[in-house]
Each structure stands twice: as structure tokens, then as C-alpha cells.
Amino acid sequence: MDDTTVLTPAGPRKASLVHKVQPGNKIDESGGRLRERDADGNVVADYGPVGPAQVDGLGGHAGGQRPDAAKPRPLPNLDHD
């Protein structure tokens, strides 16, 4: 298995976890599986079951989402008294 690291919009990932989606194709997670479909809805690739986000070994999480991504963060105190 290739352990090369590649840069993605979600940060560095193992190359074995990254797949190129052809222009015009869509990613579908229905039925508990991650599939690439063409413009007509035909499955062109099946990437396997979709499960809970897991750390990929490079500090990132499956699906490009960090578990804390949706948590609100406090605003800094900008008062200069």
C-alpha cells in the first residue's frame, strides 16, 4: 500500500485514502456506501462503506471534517480600556 502523503483541500492525507472524482461526477453516500456516480447516475466507483469519522493518521478526519468544526468558539475580548 502506498504511504505517500498528498495535499487535499482538507489538508494532508495518505494517498491511499484520496480518490480523484472526474468532472461532472458526484459523490453519493446513500445506502451506507461511498460511491462516485456519473451525470446519468451510474456508479463508476465504489469506495466502500461509510462509517463514523476516524482519524486518518495524519491529524485529519475522514470526510474532511474535524469533530470540533461545528463547535462555536468564543470571540476574543477586543476591549482596550
N, C-alpha and C. Protein backbone atom coordinates (compact mmCIF):
# COMPACT_ATOMS: atom_id res chain seq x y z
N MET A 1 0.84 -1.17 0.00
CA MET A 1 0.00 0.00 0.00
C MET A 1 0.89 1.23 0.00
N ASP A 2 0.47 2.26 -0.71
CA ASP A 2 1.24 3.49 -0.85
C ASP A 2 1.02 4.38 0.37
N ASP A 3 2.12 4.75 1.05
CA ASP A 3 2.01 5.62 2.22
C ASP A 3 2.38 7.07 1.89
N THR A 4 2.41 7.43 0.61
CA THR A 4 2.72 8.79 0.20
C THR A 4 1.66 9.74 0.74
N THR A 5 2.09 10.91 1.16
CA THR A 5 1.16 11.94 1.63
C THR A 5 0.89 12.91 0.50
N VAL A 6 -0.39 13.23 0.31
CA VAL A 6 -0.79 14.20 -0.71
C VAL A 6 -1.56 15.33 -0.04
N LEU A 7 -1.50 16.52 -0.65
CA LEU A 7 -2.21 17.67 -0.11
C LEU A 7 -3.60 17.73 -0.74
N THR A 8 -4.63 17.84 0.10
CA THR A 8 -6.01 17.95 -0.36
C THR A 8 -6.60 19.24 0.19
N PRO A 9 -7.78 19.65 -0.27
CA PRO A 9 -8.41 20.84 0.30
C PRO A 9 -8.65 20.71 1.81
N ALA A 10 -8.74 19.49 2.32
CA ALA A 10 -8.94 19.26 3.75
C ALA A 10 -7.64 19.04 4.49
N GLY A 11 -6.49 19.25 3.81
CA GLY A 11 -5.19 19.07 4.43
C GLY A 11 -4.51 17.81 3.94
N PRO A 12 -3.32 17.50 4.49
CA PRO A 12 -2.58 16.33 4.03
C PRO A 12 -3.30 15.03 4.38
N ARG A 13 -3.26 14.10 3.44
CA ARG A 13 -3.89 12.78 3.63
C ARG A 13 -2.99 11.72 3.00
N LYS A 14 -3.14 10.48 3.45
CA LYS A 14 -2.46 9.37 2.82
C LYS A 14 -3.04 9.20 1.42
N ALA A 15 -2.17 9.01 0.44
CA ALA A 15 -2.61 8.88 -0.96
C ALA A 15 -3.60 7.74 -1.13
N SER A 16 -3.47 6.70 -0.35
CA SER A 16 -4.37 5.56 -0.48
C SER A 16 -5.80 5.90 -0.06
N LEU A 17 -6.00 7.04 0.63
CA LEU A 17 -7.33 7.46 1.07
C LEU A 17 -7.94 8.53 0.16
N VAL A 18 -7.22 8.94 -0.89
CA VAL A 18 -7.66 10.03 -1.75
C VAL A 18 -8.02 9.47 -3.13
N HIS A 19 -9.15 9.92 -3.67
CA HIS A 19 -9.60 9.47 -4.98
C HIS A 19 -9.97 10.68 -5.82
N LYS A 20 -9.57 10.66 -7.08
CA LYS A 20 -9.93 11.76 -8.00
C LYS A 20 -11.35 11.52 -8.50
N VAL A 21 -12.18 12.55 -8.38
CA VAL A 21 -13.54 12.49 -8.88
C VAL A 21 -13.55 13.22 -10.23
N GLN A 22 -13.98 12.52 -11.24
CA GLN A 22 -13.98 13.09 -12.59
C GLN A 22 -14.94 14.27 -12.70
N PRO A 23 -14.62 15.26 -13.52
CA PRO A 23 -15.51 16.41 -13.70
C PRO A 23 -16.92 15.95 -14.10
N GLY A 24 -17.92 16.53 -13.46
CA GLY A 24 -19.31 16.17 -13.76
C GLY A 24 -19.84 15.04 -12.90
N ASN A 25 -18.95 14.29 -12.26
CA ASN A 25 -19.39 13.19 -11.40
C ASN A 25 -19.70 13.70 -10.00
N LYS A 26 -20.48 12.94 -9.28
CA LYS A 26 -20.91 13.30 -7.92
C LYS A 26 -20.55 12.17 -6.97
N ILE A 27 -20.42 12.52 -5.68
CA ILE A 27 -20.21 11.53 -4.63
C ILE A 27 -21.55 11.27 -3.95
N ASP A 28 -21.87 10.00 -3.77
CA ASP A 28 -23.15 9.57 -3.20
C ASP A 28 -22.86 8.69 -1.98
N GLU A 29 -23.47 9.01 -0.84
CA GLU A 29 -23.29 8.24 0.39
C GLU A 29 -24.52 7.41 0.75
N SER A 30 -25.49 7.33 -0.15
CA SER A 30 -26.72 6.59 0.16
C SER A 30 -26.43 5.11 0.32
N GLY A 31 -27.28 4.48 1.09
CA GLY A 31 -27.14 3.03 1.31
C GLY A 31 -25.94 2.65 2.14
N GLY A 32 -25.33 3.64 2.81
CA GLY A 32 -24.20 3.33 3.69
C GLY A 32 -22.88 3.09 2.96
N ARG A 33 -22.82 3.43 1.67
CA ARG A 33 -21.58 3.24 0.90
C ARG A 33 -21.19 4.55 0.22
N LEU A 34 -19.90 4.74 0.03
CA LEU A 34 -19.38 5.92 -0.65
C LEU A 34 -19.14 5.54 -2.11
N ARG A 35 -19.93 6.17 -3.01
CA ARG A 35 -19.84 5.83 -4.43
C ARG A 35 -19.67 7.09 -5.28
N GLU A 36 -18.97 6.94 -6.38
CA GLU A 36 -18.88 8.00 -7.38
C GLU A 36 -19.87 7.66 -8.49
N ARG A 37 -20.70 8.65 -8.85
CA ARG A 37 -21.70 8.44 -9.91
C ARG A 37 -21.47 9.45 -11.04
N ASP A 38 -21.73 8.98 -12.27
CA ASP A 38 -21.62 9.89 -13.41
C ASP A 38 -22.87 10.75 -13.52
N ALA A 39 -22.93 11.61 -14.53
CA ALA A 39 -24.05 12.54 -14.69
C ALA A 39 -25.38 11.83 -14.88
N ASP A 40 -25.35 10.57 -15.37
CA ASP A 40 -26.58 9.80 -15.56
C ASP A 40 -26.96 9.00 -14.31
N GLY A 41 -26.15 9.08 -13.27
CA GLY A 41 -26.44 8.36 -12.02
C GLY A 41 -25.85 6.97 -11.94
N ASN A 42 -25.09 6.57 -12.97
CA ASN A 42 -24.45 5.26 -12.95
C ASN A 42 -23.26 5.25 -12.00
N VAL A 43 -23.09 4.17 -11.25
CA VAL A 43 -21.95 4.04 -10.34
C VAL A 43 -20.70 3.76 -11.18
N VAL A 44 -19.70 4.64 -11.03
CA VAL A 44 -18.44 4.43 -11.74
C VAL A 44 -17.33 3.96 -10.79
N ALA A 45 -17.54 4.15 -9.48
CA ALA A 45 -16.58 3.66 -8.49
C ALA A 45 -17.30 3.49 -7.16
N ASP A 46 -16.93 2.44 -6.44
CA ASP A 46 -17.47 2.18 -5.10
C ASP A 46 -16.29 2.18 -4.15
N TYR A 47 -16.25 3.17 -3.25
CA TYR A 47 -15.11 3.32 -2.35
C TYR A 47 -15.31 2.63 -1.01
N GLY A 48 -16.42 1.93 -0.83
CA GLY A 48 -16.61 1.15 0.39
C GLY A 48 -17.62 1.75 1.34
N PRO A 49 -17.75 1.11 2.50
CA PRO A 49 -18.76 1.56 3.47
C PRO A 49 -18.43 2.91 4.08
N VAL A 50 -19.48 3.65 4.40
CA VAL A 50 -19.34 4.93 5.10
C VAL A 50 -19.54 4.64 6.57
N GLY A 51 -18.61 5.09 7.38
CA GLY A 51 -18.72 4.87 8.82
C GLY A 51 -18.49 6.17 9.56
N PRO A 52 -18.43 6.10 10.87
CA PRO A 52 -18.15 7.31 11.64
C PRO A 52 -16.77 7.85 11.29
N ALA A 53 -16.61 9.15 11.40
CA ALA A 53 -15.32 9.78 11.10
C ALA A 53 -14.23 9.16 11.96
N GLN A 54 -13.11 8.86 11.32
CA GLN A 54 -11.97 8.27 12.02
C GLN A 54 -10.74 9.06 11.70
N VAL A 55 -9.84 9.17 12.64
CA VAL A 55 -8.59 9.86 12.39
C VAL A 55 -7.82 9.05 11.36
N ASP A 56 -7.28 9.75 10.34
CA ASP A 56 -6.62 9.05 9.25
C ASP A 56 -5.11 8.87 9.47
N GLY A 57 -4.63 9.20 10.64
CA GLY A 57 -3.21 9.02 10.92
C GLY A 57 -2.37 10.23 10.58
N LEU A 58 -2.97 11.25 10.00
CA LEU A 58 -2.22 12.45 9.63
C LEU A 58 -2.80 13.69 10.30
N GLY A 59 -3.59 13.50 11.34
CA GLY A 59 -4.17 14.63 12.02
C GLY A 59 -5.49 15.08 11.42
N GLY A 60 -5.92 14.43 10.37
CA GLY A 60 -7.18 14.77 9.73
C GLY A 60 -8.23 13.73 10.04
N HIS A 61 -9.43 14.00 9.61
CA HIS A 61 -10.53 13.08 9.86
C HIS A 61 -11.22 12.75 8.56
N ALA A 62 -11.74 11.53 8.47
CA ALA A 62 -12.45 11.11 7.27
C ALA A 62 -13.53 12.12 6.93
N GLY A 63 -13.70 12.39 5.66
CA GLY A 63 -14.71 13.34 5.22
C GLY A 63 -14.27 14.79 5.33
N GLY A 64 -13.04 15.00 5.77
CA GLY A 64 -12.53 16.36 5.85
C GLY A 64 -13.10 17.18 6.99
N GLN A 65 -13.87 16.58 7.88
CA GLN A 65 -14.47 17.33 8.98
C GLN A 65 -13.77 17.00 10.29
N ARG A 66 -13.38 18.03 11.01
CA ARG A 66 -12.86 17.82 12.36
C ARG A 66 -14.04 17.70 13.30
N PRO A 67 -13.94 16.86 14.33
CA PRO A 67 -15.05 16.73 15.26
C PRO A 67 -15.45 18.05 15.91
N ASP A 68 -14.50 18.99 16.04
CA ASP A 68 -14.80 20.26 16.68
C ASP A 68 -15.18 21.35 15.68
N ALA A 69 -15.30 21.02 14.40
CA ALA A 69 -15.52 22.03 13.36
C ALA A 69 -16.79 22.83 13.56
N ALA A 70 -17.84 22.21 14.10
CA ALA A 70 -19.12 22.90 14.23
C ALA A 70 -19.30 23.56 15.59
N LYS A 71 -18.36 23.37 16.49
CA LYS A 71 -18.49 23.95 17.83
C LYS A 71 -18.22 25.45 17.77
N PRO A 72 -19.08 26.25 18.37
CA PRO A 72 -18.83 27.68 18.39
C PRO A 72 -17.61 27.99 19.27
N ARG A 73 -16.89 29.00 18.86
CA ARG A 73 -15.70 29.42 19.62
C ARG A 73 -15.98 30.81 20.18
N PRO A 74 -15.49 31.09 21.38
CA PRO A 74 -15.72 32.42 21.96
C PRO A 74 -14.97 33.48 21.16
N LEU A 75 -15.58 34.65 21.07
CA LEU A 75 -14.92 35.78 20.41
C LEU A 75 -13.87 36.36 21.35
N PRO A 76 -12.78 36.85 20.79
CA PRO A 76 -11.75 37.46 21.64
C PRO A 76 -12.28 38.77 22.23
N ASN A 77 -11.78 39.11 23.38
CA ASN A 77 -12.15 40.36 24.04
C ASN A 77 -11.38 41.49 23.36
N LEU A 78 -12.11 42.39 22.69
CA LEU A 78 -11.47 43.47 21.95
C LEU A 78 -11.52 44.80 22.70
N ASP A 79 -11.95 44.77 23.96
CA ASP A 79 -11.99 45.98 24.75
C ASP A 79 -10.57 46.43 25.08
N HIS A 80 -10.29 47.70 24.85
CA HIS A 80 -8.96 48.25 25.12
C HIS A 80 -9.08 49.35 26.14
N ASP A 81 -9.55 49.04 27.35
CA ASP A 81 -9.74 50.05 28.41
C ASP A 81 -8.44 50.48 29.01
